[in-house]
Protein backbone atom coordinates (compact mmCIF):
# COMPACT_ATOMS: atom_id res chain seq x y z
CA MET A 1 50.17 -88.43 39.73
CA LYS A 2 50.56 -86.22 42.84
CA LYS A 3 54.23 -85.28 41.41
CA ILE A 4 52.64 -83.96 38.48
CA LEU A 5 49.87 -82.17 40.16
CA LEU A 6 52.42 -80.39 42.36
CA LEU A 7 54.60 -79.61 39.27
CA LEU A 8 51.66 -78.24 37.65
CA MET A 9 50.76 -76.11 40.91
CA LEU A 10 54.53 -74.75 41.11
CA TYR A 11 54.18 -73.73 37.75
CA THR A 12 51.13 -72.01 38.05
CA ILE A 13 52.30 -70.05 41.01
CA ILE A 14 55.42 -68.98 39.05
CA ILE A 15 53.59 -67.77 36.02
CA LEU A 16 50.93 -65.89 38.11
CA GLY A 17 53.49 -64.76 40.75
CA LEU A 18 56.42 -63.72 38.82
CA PRO A 19 54.94 -60.51 37.17
CA LEU A 20 53.47 -59.49 40.63
CA LEU A 21 56.98 -60.09 42.35
CA ILE A 22 58.85 -57.98 39.57
CA THR A 23 56.27 -55.07 39.74
CA THR A 24 56.57 -55.18 43.47
CA ILE A 25 60.30 -54.67 43.64
CA LEU A 26 60.53 -52.18 40.78
CA HIS A 27 57.68 -50.07 42.10
CA PRO A 28 57.20 -50.79 45.69
CA LYS A 29 53.83 -49.34 47.33
CA PRO A 30 55.23 -46.70 49.63
CA GLN A 31 55.17 -47.61 53.25
CA SER A 32 53.47 -44.92 55.23
CA THR A 33 53.36 -45.38 58.93
CA SER A 34 52.51 -41.65 59.67
CA ALA A 35 49.02 -40.52 60.17
CA GLU A 36 47.82 -37.16 58.87
CA PRO A 37 49.09 -34.52 60.96
CA ILE A 38 45.86 -33.12 61.55
CA ASP A 39 42.53 -34.42 61.84
CA THR A 40 40.26 -31.89 60.40
CA ILE A 41 40.48 -28.69 58.46
CA THR A 42 38.11 -25.72 57.89
CA THR A 43 37.63 -24.46 54.41
CA PHE A 44 35.68 -21.28 52.96
CA VAL A 45 33.82 -23.20 49.82
CA ALA A 46 33.40 -20.28 47.50
CA LEU A 47 30.91 -21.78 45.54
CA GLU A 48 28.69 -22.55 48.42
CA ASP A 49 29.75 -19.09 50.41
CA LYS A 50 30.25 -20.80 53.54
CA VAL A 51 32.92 -22.48 55.68
CA VAL A 52 32.82 -26.51 55.76
CA GLU A 53 34.68 -28.53 58.55
CA MET A 54 35.96 -31.75 56.79
CA ASP A 55 38.54 -34.53 57.36
CA PHE A 56 41.99 -33.28 56.39
CA SER A 57 42.36 -36.46 54.22
CA THR A 58 39.07 -35.50 52.54
CA TYR A 59 40.40 -32.08 51.75
CA LEU A 60 43.49 -33.05 50.25
CA LYS A 61 41.85 -35.81 48.04
CA GLY A 62 39.73 -32.84 46.58
CA VAL A 63 42.91 -30.75 45.92
CA VAL A 64 44.53 -33.55 44.19
CA ALA A 65 41.33 -34.44 42.16
CA ALA A 66 41.06 -30.34 41.44
CA GLU A 67 44.76 -29.81 40.50
CA MET A 68 45.65 -32.91 38.51
CA PRO A 69 44.09 -35.26 36.32
CA ALA A 70 43.11 -38.90 37.70
CA SER A 71 44.70 -40.09 34.52
CA PHE A 72 48.09 -39.11 35.55
CA HIS A 73 50.75 -41.92 36.80
CA THR A 74 50.53 -43.09 40.28
CA GLU A 75 53.73 -41.43 41.45
CA ALA A 76 53.01 -38.21 39.77
CA LEU A 77 49.51 -38.32 41.80
CA ARG A 78 51.62 -39.28 44.81
CA ALA A 79 54.13 -36.18 44.36
CA GLN A 80 50.95 -34.02 43.92
CA ALA A 81 49.57 -35.12 47.10
CA VAL A 82 52.69 -34.67 49.07
CA ALA A 83 52.85 -31.14 47.49
CA ALA A 84 49.51 -30.26 48.57
CA ARG A 85 50.03 -31.55 51.92
CA SER A 86 53.37 -29.52 52.41
CA TYR A 87 51.85 -26.38 50.99
CA THR A 88 48.41 -26.28 53.30
CA LEU A 89 50.41 -27.21 56.34
CA ARG A 90 52.83 -24.59 55.81
CA LYS A 91 50.23 -21.98 55.04
CA MET A 92 48.15 -22.70 58.05
CA ALA A 93 51.33 -22.22 60.29
CA ASP A 94 51.80 -18.87 58.30
CA TYR A 95 48.24 -17.76 59.17
CA LYS A 96 48.63 -18.83 62.73
CA ARG A 97 51.49 -16.60 63.08
CA ASP A 98 50.29 -13.86 61.31
CA GLY A 99 46.32 -14.41 61.14
CA ASN A 100 44.06 -15.47 58.40
CA PRO A 101 43.25 -13.30 55.75
CA ASN A 102 39.86 -11.95 55.22
CA VAL A 103 39.22 -14.34 52.08
CA HIS A 104 39.33 -17.33 54.30
CA LYS A 105 36.04 -15.63 56.12
CA GLY A 106 37.75 -17.19 59.33
CA ALA A 107 38.84 -20.80 57.92
CA ASP A 108 42.01 -22.31 57.58
CA THR A 109 41.94 -22.15 53.98
CA CYS A 110 39.72 -21.44 50.83
CA THR A 111 38.95 -22.95 47.49
CA ASP A 112 39.93 -19.95 45.43
CA PRO A 113 43.05 -21.27 43.37
CA ASN A 114 44.39 -17.69 43.07
CA HIS A 115 44.86 -17.57 46.77
CA CYS A 116 45.40 -21.32 47.99
CA LYS A 117 44.56 -24.31 45.86
CA ALA A 118 41.68 -25.39 43.91
CA TRP A 119 39.43 -27.78 45.60
CA ILE A 120 36.25 -29.85 44.22
CA SER A 121 33.46 -31.47 46.26
CA ASP A 122 32.71 -35.02 45.90
CA THR A 123 29.28 -33.95 44.56
CA GLU A 124 31.05 -32.33 41.88
CA LEU A 125 33.31 -35.05 41.03
CA HIS A 126 30.74 -37.39 40.62
CA ALA A 127 28.95 -35.05 37.97
CA ARG A 128 32.30 -34.57 36.23
CA TRP A 129 33.30 -38.06 36.01
CA GLY A 130 30.17 -39.74 35.82
CA ALA A 131 30.71 -43.54 35.21
CA ASP A 132 34.41 -42.95 35.85
CA TYR A 133 34.08 -41.76 39.24
CA ASP A 134 34.74 -44.93 41.12
CA ALA A 135 38.07 -45.92 39.16
CA ASN A 136 39.19 -42.23 39.36
CA MET A 137 38.48 -41.54 43.12
CA GLN A 138 40.20 -44.86 43.89
CA ARG A 139 43.33 -43.50 41.97
CA ILE A 140 42.99 -39.86 43.92
CA ALA A 141 42.50 -41.76 47.34
CA ALA A 142 45.30 -43.89 47.02
CA SER A 143 47.78 -40.96 46.36
CA VAL A 144 46.66 -39.31 49.54
CA GLU A 145 46.80 -42.51 51.86
CA ASP A 146 49.72 -43.95 50.68
CA THR A 147 51.56 -40.95 51.47
CA ALA A 148 49.37 -39.86 54.70
CA GLY A 149 51.67 -37.76 57.03
CA ILE A 150 54.63 -37.38 54.30
CA VAL A 151 55.90 -33.69 53.68
CA MET A 152 58.60 -31.74 52.43
CA THR A 153 60.85 -30.03 54.33
CA TYR A 154 64.15 -27.22 53.83
CA GLU A 155 66.38 -27.11 56.96
CA GLY A 156 63.61 -28.33 59.15
CA THR A 157 60.90 -25.77 57.90
CA LEU A 158 57.90 -26.85 56.00
CA VAL A 159 58.10 -25.85 52.13
CA ASN A 160 56.14 -23.58 50.41
CA ALA A 161 55.36 -26.26 47.76
CA VAL A 162 53.92 -24.25 44.89
CA PHE A 163 53.27 -26.09 41.65
CA HIS A 164 51.95 -25.52 38.04
CA SER A 165 50.62 -27.24 35.01
CA THR A 166 53.37 -26.80 32.26
CA SER A 167 56.97 -25.32 32.04
CA SER A 168 58.61 -24.10 29.28
CA GLY A 169 60.93 -26.82 29.91
CA GLN A 170 62.84 -25.13 32.51
CA THR A 171 61.17 -24.10 35.78
CA GLU A 172 61.35 -20.37 37.11
CA ASN A 173 63.28 -19.02 40.00
CA ALA A 174 60.86 -17.75 42.63
CA LYS A 175 62.72 -14.36 42.73
CA ASP A 176 62.21 -13.88 38.95
CA VAL A 177 58.40 -14.19 39.36
CA TRP A 178 57.49 -13.09 42.76
CA GLY A 179 60.87 -11.14 43.81
CA GLY A 180 61.32 -13.42 46.93
CA ASP A 181 64.57 -15.51 47.04
CA VAL A 182 63.50 -18.95 47.92
CA PRO A 183 66.54 -21.48 48.14
CA TYR A 184 64.47 -24.60 47.30
CA LEU A 185 62.30 -22.79 44.51
CA VAL A 186 64.87 -22.28 41.71
CA SER A 187 65.17 -23.01 38.12
CA VAL A 188 65.71 -26.67 37.00
CA VAL A 189 65.30 -28.32 33.69
CA SER A 190 61.90 -30.03 33.46
CA TYR A 191 61.56 -32.76 30.90
CA GLY A 192 58.40 -33.97 29.16
CA ASP A 193 56.56 -30.52 29.19
CA GLU A 194 55.89 -30.62 25.40
CA LEU A 195 53.83 -33.38 25.47
CA SER A 196 51.42 -31.31 27.66
CA PRO A 197 48.48 -30.17 25.72
CA ARG A 198 48.97 -26.64 27.14
CA TYR A 199 52.59 -26.38 25.96
CA SER A 200 52.13 -23.78 23.38
CA SER A 201 49.26 -21.34 22.78
CA ASP A 202 49.25 -17.84 20.96
CA LEU A 203 47.29 -14.68 20.55
CA THR A 204 47.11 -12.40 17.64
CA ILE A 205 45.54 -9.23 17.91
CA SER A 206 45.54 -5.48 15.94
CA ALA A 207 47.66 -3.33 17.07
CA ALA A 208 44.72 -0.83 17.52
CA GLU A 209 43.08 -3.57 19.99
CA TYR A 210 46.43 -3.76 21.72
CA LYS A 211 46.61 -0.26 22.36
CA SER A 212 43.22 0.09 23.64
CA LYS A 213 43.37 -2.72 26.12
CA LEU A 214 46.81 -1.35 27.41
CA THR A 215 45.69 2.49 27.86
CA ALA A 216 42.32 1.17 29.66
CA ALA A 217 44.11 -0.70 31.95
CA TYR A 218 46.92 1.90 32.49
CA PRO A 219 45.91 5.52 31.48
CA ASP A 220 49.45 6.84 31.54
CA ALA A 221 50.43 4.80 28.37
CA HIS A 222 50.90 6.34 25.10
CA PHE A 223 51.96 5.48 21.68
CA SER A 224 53.52 7.52 18.97
CA ASP A 225 53.31 6.76 15.25
CA GLY A 226 55.69 3.93 14.34
CA ASP A 227 56.48 2.89 17.70
CA THR A 228 57.29 -0.86 18.53
CA LEU A 229 54.50 -2.06 20.79
CA VAL A 230 56.82 -4.04 23.17
CA ARG A 231 60.71 -3.39 23.75
CA GLU A 232 63.32 -3.40 26.47
CA ILE A 233 62.13 -6.97 27.58
CA LEU A 234 64.19 -8.52 30.35
CA ARG A 235 64.01 -12.22 30.70
CA SER A 236 64.43 -14.57 33.57
CA GLN A 237 67.04 -17.77 33.29
CA ALA A 238 64.10 -19.86 32.20
CA GLY A 239 62.88 -17.18 29.39
CA GLY A 240 60.12 -15.86 31.02
CA ILE A 241 59.64 -11.93 30.94
CA LYS A 242 60.73 -10.24 34.12
CA GLU A 243 59.46 -7.03 32.87
CA LEU A 244 59.18 -4.96 29.82
CA THR A 245 58.37 -1.45 28.29
CA THR A 246 55.19 -0.99 26.29
CA GLY A 247 53.43 2.53 25.58
CA GLY A 248 56.24 4.44 27.66
CA ILE A 249 55.43 2.47 31.02
CA THR A 250 56.98 -0.55 32.39
CA LEU A 251 55.00 -3.51 33.51
CA THR A 252 55.96 -6.89 35.09
CA GLY A 253 55.56 -10.17 33.10
CA ASN A 254 52.75 -11.36 35.69
CA GLN A 255 51.02 -7.87 35.01
CA PHE A 256 51.24 -8.17 31.09
CA ARG A 257 50.36 -11.81 31.38
CA GLU A 258 47.42 -10.94 33.32
CA LEU A 259 46.12 -8.17 31.15
CA PHE A 260 45.96 -10.38 28.18
CA GLY A 261 44.99 -13.27 29.54
CA LEU A 262 47.97 -15.41 28.57
CA ARG A 263 48.92 -18.93 29.62
CA SER A 264 52.78 -17.73 30.92
CA THR A 265 55.03 -14.90 30.98
CA ASN A 266 57.36 -16.88 28.34
CA ILE A 267 56.05 -14.91 25.23
CA GLN A 268 57.57 -14.09 22.21
CA PHE A 269 56.43 -11.25 19.96
CA THR A 270 55.98 -10.75 16.18
CA GLN A 271 54.61 -7.35 15.12
CA SER A 272 53.71 -5.98 11.97
CA SER A 273 52.22 -2.69 11.21
CA THR A 274 48.69 -3.69 11.84
CA SER A 275 49.04 -6.61 14.36
CA ILE A 276 50.86 -8.25 17.00
CA THR A 277 50.96 -12.09 17.74
CA MET A 278 52.09 -13.37 21.48
CA ALA A 279 53.33 -16.70 21.23
CA VAL A 280 53.25 -18.40 24.72
CA THR A 281 55.34 -21.39 25.85
CA GLY A 282 53.86 -23.19 29.13
CA ASN A 283 51.07 -22.63 31.36
CA GLY A 284 51.11 -21.02 34.81
CA HIS A 285 53.63 -19.14 36.94
CA GLY A 286 56.41 -21.59 36.23
CA VAL A 287 57.69 -22.04 39.56
CA GLY A 288 57.91 -25.43 41.74
CA MET A 289 56.76 -28.59 40.22
CA SER A 290 55.52 -28.73 36.83
CA GLN A 291 52.57 -31.18 36.96
CA TYR A 292 53.07 -32.26 33.26
CA GLY A 293 56.72 -32.69 33.92
CA ALA A 294 56.13 -34.55 36.82
CA ASN A 295 53.73 -37.16 35.06
CA TYR A 296 56.96 -37.61 32.34
CA LEU A 297 58.98 -38.46 35.00
CA ALA A 298 56.74 -40.92 36.59
CA SER A 299 56.35 -42.62 33.07
CA GLN A 300 59.98 -42.96 33.12
CA GLY A 301 60.09 -44.82 36.41
CA LYS A 302 60.78 -42.00 38.98
CA THR A 303 59.54 -42.33 42.18
CA TYR A 304 57.47 -39.65 43.81
CA GLU A 305 60.14 -38.66 46.23
CA GLU A 306 62.41 -38.52 43.07
CA ILE A 307 60.11 -36.21 41.27
CA LEU A 308 59.78 -33.80 44.47
CA LYS A 309 63.36 -33.73 44.90
CA THR A 310 63.71 -32.74 41.17
CA TYR A 311 61.63 -29.67 41.27
CA TYR A 312 62.27 -28.38 44.92
CA SER A 313 65.98 -28.23 45.05
CA GLY A 314 67.47 -29.93 48.42
CA VAL A 315 64.31 -30.53 50.45
CA ASN A 316 63.73 -33.63 52.38
CA VAL A 317 60.59 -35.77 52.04
CA GLN A 318 59.85 -37.08 55.47
CA PRO A 319 57.20 -37.80 57.92
CA TYR A 320 55.57 -34.74 59.34
CA THR A 321 56.99 -33.62 62.83
CA SER A 322 55.46 -30.71 64.83
CA ASN A 323 58.00 -28.03 65.95
C-alpha cells in the first residue's frame, strides 16, 4: 500500500512539475541582481502642470504602460523597459552636461512624448484599465523589476534608445530621418509589423485642399495648371521619404508628414485631376525598435536581449555602471 501511495505521489509530481520545468528551461526568468541606477527622478507632468518627484522604478512603469500595450508578450515588455531605462539615463546624462531644456521646468524629464517619452499616472491607469488594472499592472511592474538596472550601451556609452510603434517592414537609419549618423540606429529588417493595426493607413483629399493646406503653411509655394502635386521624391533605404518637391518648394519627409498628419514618412502617392491619395505604411519615425516587431519576435520565442540586439546594432545589454 505504501509503495502504491509513493508511486502515486511521484506520478503527481511528474505530471504537475514537468510543464513548469520545461517552461523554466525554455523561458527562464531574467536574474537581475542590479538595483536601479538612481533612486528617484523628477518629472514635469504636463497634465498636472507641476514637477513631481517619484521612484525611478515608478517612473519607468508609467513609461512602459504608456508606450506599450500591457497585453504584449513578456519579453517585448522587458525589451521596452530596458529601452526606456537606457533612453532616460542617456538623456539625463546629456542634460547634466548641456543643461535641462525649458520644457522640463527644471525637472530631469517630462511627460511630453514629442520631447521625452509618454508617461501615465497610476490614477489614469485605474481609469483606463478598470477591472483589468491588477493583472495589467502586474505585467508592467514585472517587466521593470525583472530587468532592474539593465541598460544598453554602445562602446561603453549609454545608447539613445529611441523606438516607435510600427515599421514598414524595415526600420529607418537615424541619418535619413534626423540627419545624424548613429552607428547603432541603422536600418534593419523588422518582421511581424504587418500584424499591427497601425501598419497601413491612407488619406485622400481634393487637389484644392492639398494646395490650400500647403500654401497656408508655406506661403512661397505655388502651383501652375497641370502641375504634378508631388515630385522629385528622394527615399531612404527603408522607403521613407527623405525629401520631396511640391509647389516649387522642397520639404523633408518629416515636414510633409507633420503637415498632413500622416502616421509615417513611408508614403505612396496616387494623383488624379481632382484629388490626391497618400497611402502610408508604418506608424512613427521608424528608427530603433519597432514595438509591434518586438512583440512578434517575442511570440516567436526571442528573449528581450535578442529583441534589443535585433533593433539596436552592435549594442551590449548589461547592468548599468557609472562612468
